[in-house]
Protein backbone atom coordinates (compact mmCIF):
# COMPACT_ATOMS: atom_id res chain seq x y z
CA MET A 1 -185.11 132.45 39.69
CA ASN A 2 -181.74 131.87 41.45
CA ASP A 3 -180.02 128.48 41.81
CA HIS A 4 -181.47 127.82 45.27
CA GLN A 5 -184.99 128.61 44.10
CA MET A 6 -184.55 126.40 41.01
CA ILE A 7 -183.37 123.45 43.11
CA SER A 8 -186.34 123.90 45.46
CA TYR A 9 -188.72 124.13 42.50
CA GLN A 10 -187.36 120.95 40.91
CA HIS A 11 -187.43 119.13 44.24
CA ARG A 12 -191.19 119.58 44.38
CA PHE A 13 -191.58 117.70 41.10
CA HIS A 14 -189.16 115.00 42.22
CA LYS A 15 -191.40 114.38 45.25
CA ALA A 16 -194.32 113.91 42.88
CA LEU A 17 -192.33 111.45 40.75
CA ASP A 18 -191.40 109.40 43.81
CA TYR A 19 -195.02 109.44 44.95
CA ILE A 20 -196.19 108.17 41.55
CA GLU A 21 -193.68 105.31 41.54
CA SER A 22 -194.72 104.29 45.07
CA HIS A 23 -198.49 104.44 44.40
CA LEU A 24 -198.95 102.93 40.94
CA GLU A 25 -201.82 100.76 42.17
CA GLU A 26 -203.88 103.85 43.07
CA LYS A 27 -205.95 106.24 41.01
CA LEU A 28 -203.67 109.26 40.64
CA SER A 29 -205.19 112.68 40.00
CA LEU A 30 -203.72 116.07 39.19
CA ALA A 31 -205.17 117.48 42.40
CA GLN A 32 -203.52 114.75 44.46
CA LEU A 33 -200.11 115.07 42.79
CA SER A 34 -200.13 118.86 42.91
CA ARG A 35 -200.73 118.65 46.68
CA VAL A 36 -197.70 116.33 47.02
CA ALA A 37 -195.62 118.87 45.07
CA HIS A 38 -197.15 121.86 46.89
CA LEU A 39 -198.05 123.46 43.57
CA SER A 40 -201.27 124.76 42.07
CA LYS A 41 -203.53 122.08 40.60
CA TYR A 42 -204.42 124.52 37.83
CA HIS A 43 -200.86 124.73 36.51
CA PHE A 44 -199.09 121.58 37.72
CA HIS A 45 -199.56 119.50 34.56
CA ARG A 46 -198.22 122.27 32.31
CA GLN A 47 -195.27 122.92 34.62
CA PHE A 48 -194.46 119.20 34.64
CA ALA A 49 -194.49 118.99 30.84
CA ALA A 50 -192.38 122.14 30.53
CA LEU A 51 -189.76 120.83 32.97
CA PHE A 52 -189.53 117.22 31.76
CA GLY A 53 -190.85 117.32 28.20
CA LEU A 54 -193.43 114.62 28.91
CA ASN A 55 -197.11 114.69 29.85
CA ILE A 56 -197.59 113.54 33.45
CA PHE A 57 -200.32 111.06 32.54
CA MET A 58 -198.01 109.50 29.95
CA TYR A 59 -195.35 109.21 32.66
CA ILE A 60 -197.83 107.41 34.93
CA LYS A 61 -198.89 105.08 32.10
CA LEU A 62 -195.29 104.22 31.16
CA SER A 63 -194.34 103.66 34.81
CA ARG A 64 -197.23 101.24 35.26
CA VAL A 65 -196.39 99.41 32.04
CA LYS A 66 -192.75 99.07 33.07
CA ARG A 67 -193.55 97.57 36.46
CA ALA A 68 -196.14 95.26 34.90
CA SER A 69 -193.56 94.16 32.31
CA TYR A 70 -191.06 93.22 35.01
CA GLN A 71 -193.69 91.37 36.99
CA LEU A 72 -194.80 89.44 33.92
CA ALA A 73 -191.26 88.56 32.83
CA PHE A 74 -189.56 87.93 36.17
CA ARG A 75 -192.29 87.08 38.70
CA HIS A 76 -194.18 84.16 37.15
CA GLU A 77 -195.80 83.31 40.47
CA ILE A 78 -197.94 86.48 40.25
CA LYS A 79 -201.20 86.06 38.33
CA VAL A 80 -201.98 88.42 35.46
CA ILE A 81 -205.11 89.74 37.20
CA ASP A 82 -203.08 90.55 40.31
CA ILE A 83 -200.53 92.39 38.16
CA ALA A 84 -203.36 94.35 36.56
CA LEU A 85 -204.80 95.38 39.93
CA ALA A 86 -201.36 96.21 41.34
CA ASN A 87 -200.85 98.67 38.51
CA GLY A 88 -204.10 100.58 38.73
CA TYR A 89 -206.30 98.62 36.29
CA GLN A 90 -209.77 97.48 37.28
CA SER A 91 -209.82 94.30 35.17
CA SER A 92 -207.51 91.99 33.26
CA GLU A 93 -209.29 93.02 30.04
CA ALA A 94 -208.55 96.73 30.53
CA PHE A 95 -204.97 95.89 31.46
CA SER A 96 -204.53 93.65 28.42
CA ARG A 97 -205.77 96.35 26.05
CA ALA A 98 -203.55 99.06 27.54
CA PHE A 99 -200.51 96.80 27.72
CA LYS A 100 -200.81 95.67 24.11
CA VAL A 101 -201.10 99.27 22.89
CA ALA A 102 -198.03 100.28 24.93
CA VAL A 103 -195.79 97.27 24.28
CA GLY A 104 -197.14 95.59 21.15
CA GLN A 105 -197.77 92.24 22.86
CA SER A 106 -200.53 90.93 25.08
CA PRO A 107 -199.55 90.34 28.73
CA SER A 108 -199.65 86.55 28.27
CA ASN A 109 -197.49 86.66 25.13
CA PHE A 110 -195.02 89.00 26.79
CA ARG A 111 -194.79 86.66 29.76
CA LYS A 112 -194.01 83.71 27.47
CA ASN A 113 -191.66 85.44 25.04
CA PRO A 114 -191.00 89.14 25.74
CA ASN A 115 -189.89 91.31 22.82
CA TRP A 116 -187.35 93.38 24.75
CA GLU A 117 -186.14 95.34 21.71
CA ALA A 118 -189.62 96.79 21.12
CA TRP A 119 -190.06 97.34 24.85
CA HIS A 120 -186.84 99.38 25.12
CA GLU A 121 -187.88 101.56 22.21
CA LYS A 122 -191.16 102.40 23.94
CA HIS A 123 -189.43 103.01 27.25
CA GLN A 124 -186.91 105.55 25.93
CA LEU A 125 -189.17 108.53 26.76
CA ILE A 126 -189.29 107.73 30.46
CA LYS A 127 -185.57 106.91 30.56
CA ASN A 128 -184.74 110.32 29.11
CA LEU A 129 -186.90 112.01 31.74
CA ARG A 130 -185.21 110.14 34.59
CA ASN A 131 -181.72 110.94 33.29
CA ASN A 132 -182.68 114.61 33.14
CA ARG A 133 -183.86 114.37 36.73
CA MET A 134 -180.73 112.60 37.96
CA GLU A 135 -178.30 115.13 36.47
CA ARG A 136 -179.35 117.56 39.17
CA LYS A 137 -178.32 115.29 42.08
CA HIS A 138 -174.53 115.39 41.72
CA GLN A 139 -174.16 117.61 44.75
CA SER A 140 -175.64 114.91 47.00
CA PHE A 141 -173.37 112.04 45.88
CA LYS A 142 -171.40 110.61 48.81
CA VAL A 143 -168.54 108.25 47.99
CA LYS A 144 -166.71 106.14 50.57
CA THR A 145 -163.70 103.83 50.25
CA MET A 146 -163.57 100.35 51.77
CA MET A 147 -161.89 96.95 51.60
CA PHE A 148 -164.02 94.43 49.71
CA ASN A 149 -163.49 90.80 50.74
CA GLU A 150 -163.08 88.24 47.96
CA ILE A 151 -166.29 86.39 47.21
CA LYS A 152 -167.12 83.26 45.21
CA VAL A 153 -170.03 83.67 42.81
CA ALA A 154 -172.19 81.68 40.43
CA CYS A 155 -172.19 83.65 37.19
CA LEU A 156 -174.27 83.79 34.02
CA GLU A 157 -172.53 85.82 31.32
CA HIS A 158 -174.65 88.03 29.09
CA ARG A 159 -172.99 88.63 25.73
CA GLY A 160 -174.76 90.67 23.07
CA ALA A 161 -177.21 93.55 22.76
CA PRO A 162 -178.11 95.18 26.11
CA GLU A 163 -181.74 95.24 24.95
CA LYS A 164 -181.74 91.44 25.25
CA LEU A 165 -180.44 91.40 28.82
CA GLY A 166 -183.95 90.66 30.08
CA ASN A 167 -183.77 87.16 28.55
CA THR A 168 -180.53 86.44 30.42
CA ILE A 169 -182.05 87.74 33.66
CA ARG A 170 -185.00 85.35 33.25
CA GLN A 171 -182.60 82.46 32.71
CA PHE A 172 -180.56 83.37 35.80
CA ILE A 173 -183.69 83.73 37.95
CA ASN A 174 -184.78 80.24 36.84
CA TRP A 175 -181.35 78.84 37.78
CA ARG A 176 -181.57 80.47 41.22
CA LYS A 177 -185.05 79.04 41.77
CA ASP A 178 -183.94 75.54 40.76
CA ASN A 179 -180.99 75.78 43.15
CA ARG A 180 -182.97 77.36 46.01
CA LEU A 181 -180.74 80.41 46.02
CA PRO A 182 -183.02 83.48 46.20
CA PRO A 183 -181.49 86.90 46.83
CA SER A 184 -182.32 86.51 50.54
CA LYS A 185 -179.83 83.59 50.69
CA GLY A 186 -177.11 84.81 48.34
CA ARG A 187 -175.93 88.35 47.66
CA THR A 188 -176.54 89.52 44.09
CA PHE A 189 -173.86 91.20 41.96
CA ASN A 190 -173.38 92.41 38.38
CA LEU A 191 -170.00 92.74 36.68
CA VAL A 192 -170.26 95.76 34.38
CA PHE A 193 -167.64 95.52 31.64
CA ASP A 194 -169.00 97.91 29.04
CA GLU A 195 -170.98 101.12 28.55
CA PRO A 196 -174.23 100.17 26.75
CA ASP A 197 -174.54 103.48 24.89
CA THR A 198 -171.04 103.38 23.37
CA THR A 199 -170.38 99.65 22.85
CA LYS A 200 -171.37 97.74 19.73
CA ALA A 201 -174.32 95.49 20.51
CA GLU A 202 -172.41 92.31 19.65
CA ASP A 203 -169.52 93.32 21.95
CA TYR A 204 -171.57 94.21 25.05
CA ARG A 205 -170.70 92.21 28.21
CA PHE A 206 -172.59 92.07 31.52
CA ASP A 207 -172.39 89.30 34.14
CA LEU A 208 -175.17 88.26 36.52
CA CYS A 209 -173.80 86.82 39.76
CA ALA A 210 -174.98 85.29 43.03
CA ALA A 211 -172.74 84.65 46.01
CA VAL A 212 -172.13 80.95 46.74
CA THR A 213 -170.08 79.06 49.32
CA SER A 214 -168.88 76.24 47.06
CA ASN A 215 -168.29 75.51 43.38
CA ILE A 216 -171.38 74.78 41.33
CA ALA A 217 -171.86 71.76 39.10
CA LYS A 218 -172.03 71.92 35.32
CA ASN A 219 -175.57 72.81 34.29
CA ASP A 220 -177.81 73.42 31.27
CA TYR A 221 -178.29 77.11 32.12
CA GLY A 222 -174.69 78.06 31.35
CA VAL A 223 -174.02 79.27 34.90
CA ILE A 224 -170.31 79.04 35.76
CA ASN A 225 -167.97 79.68 38.71
CA LYS A 226 -166.17 83.00 39.13
CA ASN A 227 -164.61 85.07 41.91
CA ILE A 228 -164.90 88.77 42.66
CA PRO A 229 -161.42 89.53 44.06
CA GLY A 230 -160.81 91.35 47.30
CA GLY A 231 -159.30 94.82 47.37
CA ARG A 232 -160.00 98.49 47.89
CA CYS A 233 -163.11 99.96 46.30
CA ALA A 234 -164.82 103.29 46.06
CA VAL A 235 -168.51 102.75 46.82
CA LEU A 236 -171.48 104.94 46.01
CA ARG A 237 -174.99 103.90 47.02
CA HIS A 238 -177.56 104.61 44.30
CA ILE A 239 -181.18 104.80 45.39
CA GLY A 240 -183.55 104.77 42.44
CA THR A 241 -184.06 103.31 39.00
CA ASP A 242 -181.45 101.69 36.78
CA ASP A 243 -182.54 104.13 34.08
CA ASN A 244 -180.14 106.71 35.46
CA ILE A 245 -177.49 104.61 37.15
CA GLY A 246 -175.20 105.63 34.29
CA VAL A 247 -175.09 109.12 35.80
CA VAL A 248 -173.67 107.64 39.02
CA VAL A 249 -171.08 105.62 37.08
CA SER A 250 -170.06 108.68 35.07
CA TYR A 251 -169.62 110.71 38.27
CA LEU A 252 -167.30 108.08 39.78
CA TYR A 253 -165.11 107.91 36.67
CA SER A 254 -164.96 111.68 36.11
CA ASP A 255 -165.51 114.06 39.03
CA TRP A 256 -164.71 111.69 41.91
CA LEU A 257 -161.70 109.94 40.37
CA GLU A 258 -160.11 113.22 39.32
CA GLN A 259 -160.68 114.89 42.69
CA SER A 260 -159.61 111.88 44.79
CA GLY A 261 -156.32 111.20 43.02
CA GLU A 262 -156.97 107.45 43.30
CA ALA A 263 -155.79 104.92 40.69
CA LEU A 264 -157.98 102.20 39.17
CA ARG A 265 -157.42 98.50 39.85
CA ASP A 266 -157.44 95.87 37.07
CA PHE A 267 -161.01 94.65 37.61
CA PRO A 268 -164.28 95.98 36.18
CA LEU A 269 -166.85 98.12 37.89
CA PHE A 270 -169.49 96.04 39.66
CA PHE A 271 -172.88 96.48 41.32
CA GLU A 272 -174.40 94.85 44.38
CA ARG A 273 -178.18 94.70 44.24
CA VAL A 274 -179.52 95.38 47.72
CA SER A 275 -183.23 95.69 46.86
CA PHE A 276 -184.97 94.87 43.61
CA PHE A 277 -187.59 96.30 41.28
CA PRO A 278 -190.42 95.27 40.90
CA ASP A 279 -190.45 94.01 44.52
CA VAL A 280 -189.96 97.62 45.61
CA ALA A 281 -190.85 100.83 43.79
CA GLU A 282 -188.19 102.04 41.35
CA CYS A 283 -187.51 105.11 43.49
CA GLU A 284 -186.74 102.73 46.42
CA MET A 285 -184.32 100.41 44.61
CA VAL A 286 -180.92 100.23 46.31
CA THR A 287 -177.74 99.46 44.34
CA ASP A 288 -174.20 99.78 45.67
CA VAL A 289 -171.82 100.76 42.86
CA TYR A 290 -168.23 99.54 43.40
CA LEU A 291 -165.23 101.03 41.59
CA PRO A 292 -162.10 98.89 42.23
CA ILE A 293 -159.09 101.09 43.16
CA GLU A 294 -155.45 100.48 44.12
């Protein structure tokens, strides 16, 4: 198989992955997914496992559990039964049993006090698969340069293990709700100081930010005032899950920076969240990655 044939072959499986992530509420069969991929239903499941190292039904299960986890933790207005139905379960009892086996907590306990460390350990399989998938997309990366205008933000600083970031996100969402500042009314940014895979847990830094028009008052949430300064940036739009956004970041710092001859500015990499999971499927998430340059 030559390179062109291999890319075409892999693309068929990527279509199936996108279909799964966009149809988690439906009953998904091998026959259905093989039709999406234009591959034989008699061989599709073995080809999938050979390519990605993971059984396709395990991938579906983990994808459903991940979306349900985010809905439980970050969308408290959604009832547990509605989360169960939205993720392909016929009853809250069936959902509760499957969720507890997968995560180690019942849905209600996870909603109250999620154990993110255990959750990340379970999720590593699907993250590895998505990173493997993303490595093959370098040729389609399109970087542009632009002037970014200075913007005032309300900021909640996360300091500590990246596995505990979910707790900080919950806190920031609660602050935004209390201050009537949903993403539709204030652009959402992240300041990305450190690489989670190479930074000691206690040293990891990641800021959650929302655009504001005036300074915010002192509050019990720990949200403070900051500015994202204006200046030139290289921008790459990432469409898909955060599980492989590190591949995009690595490309900017290695291939693109070397080929462009640009110099870095004294401000960290930052993201703008354009659309959010679990409100959209993971394959439909949109994140603009900004690299500040001179």
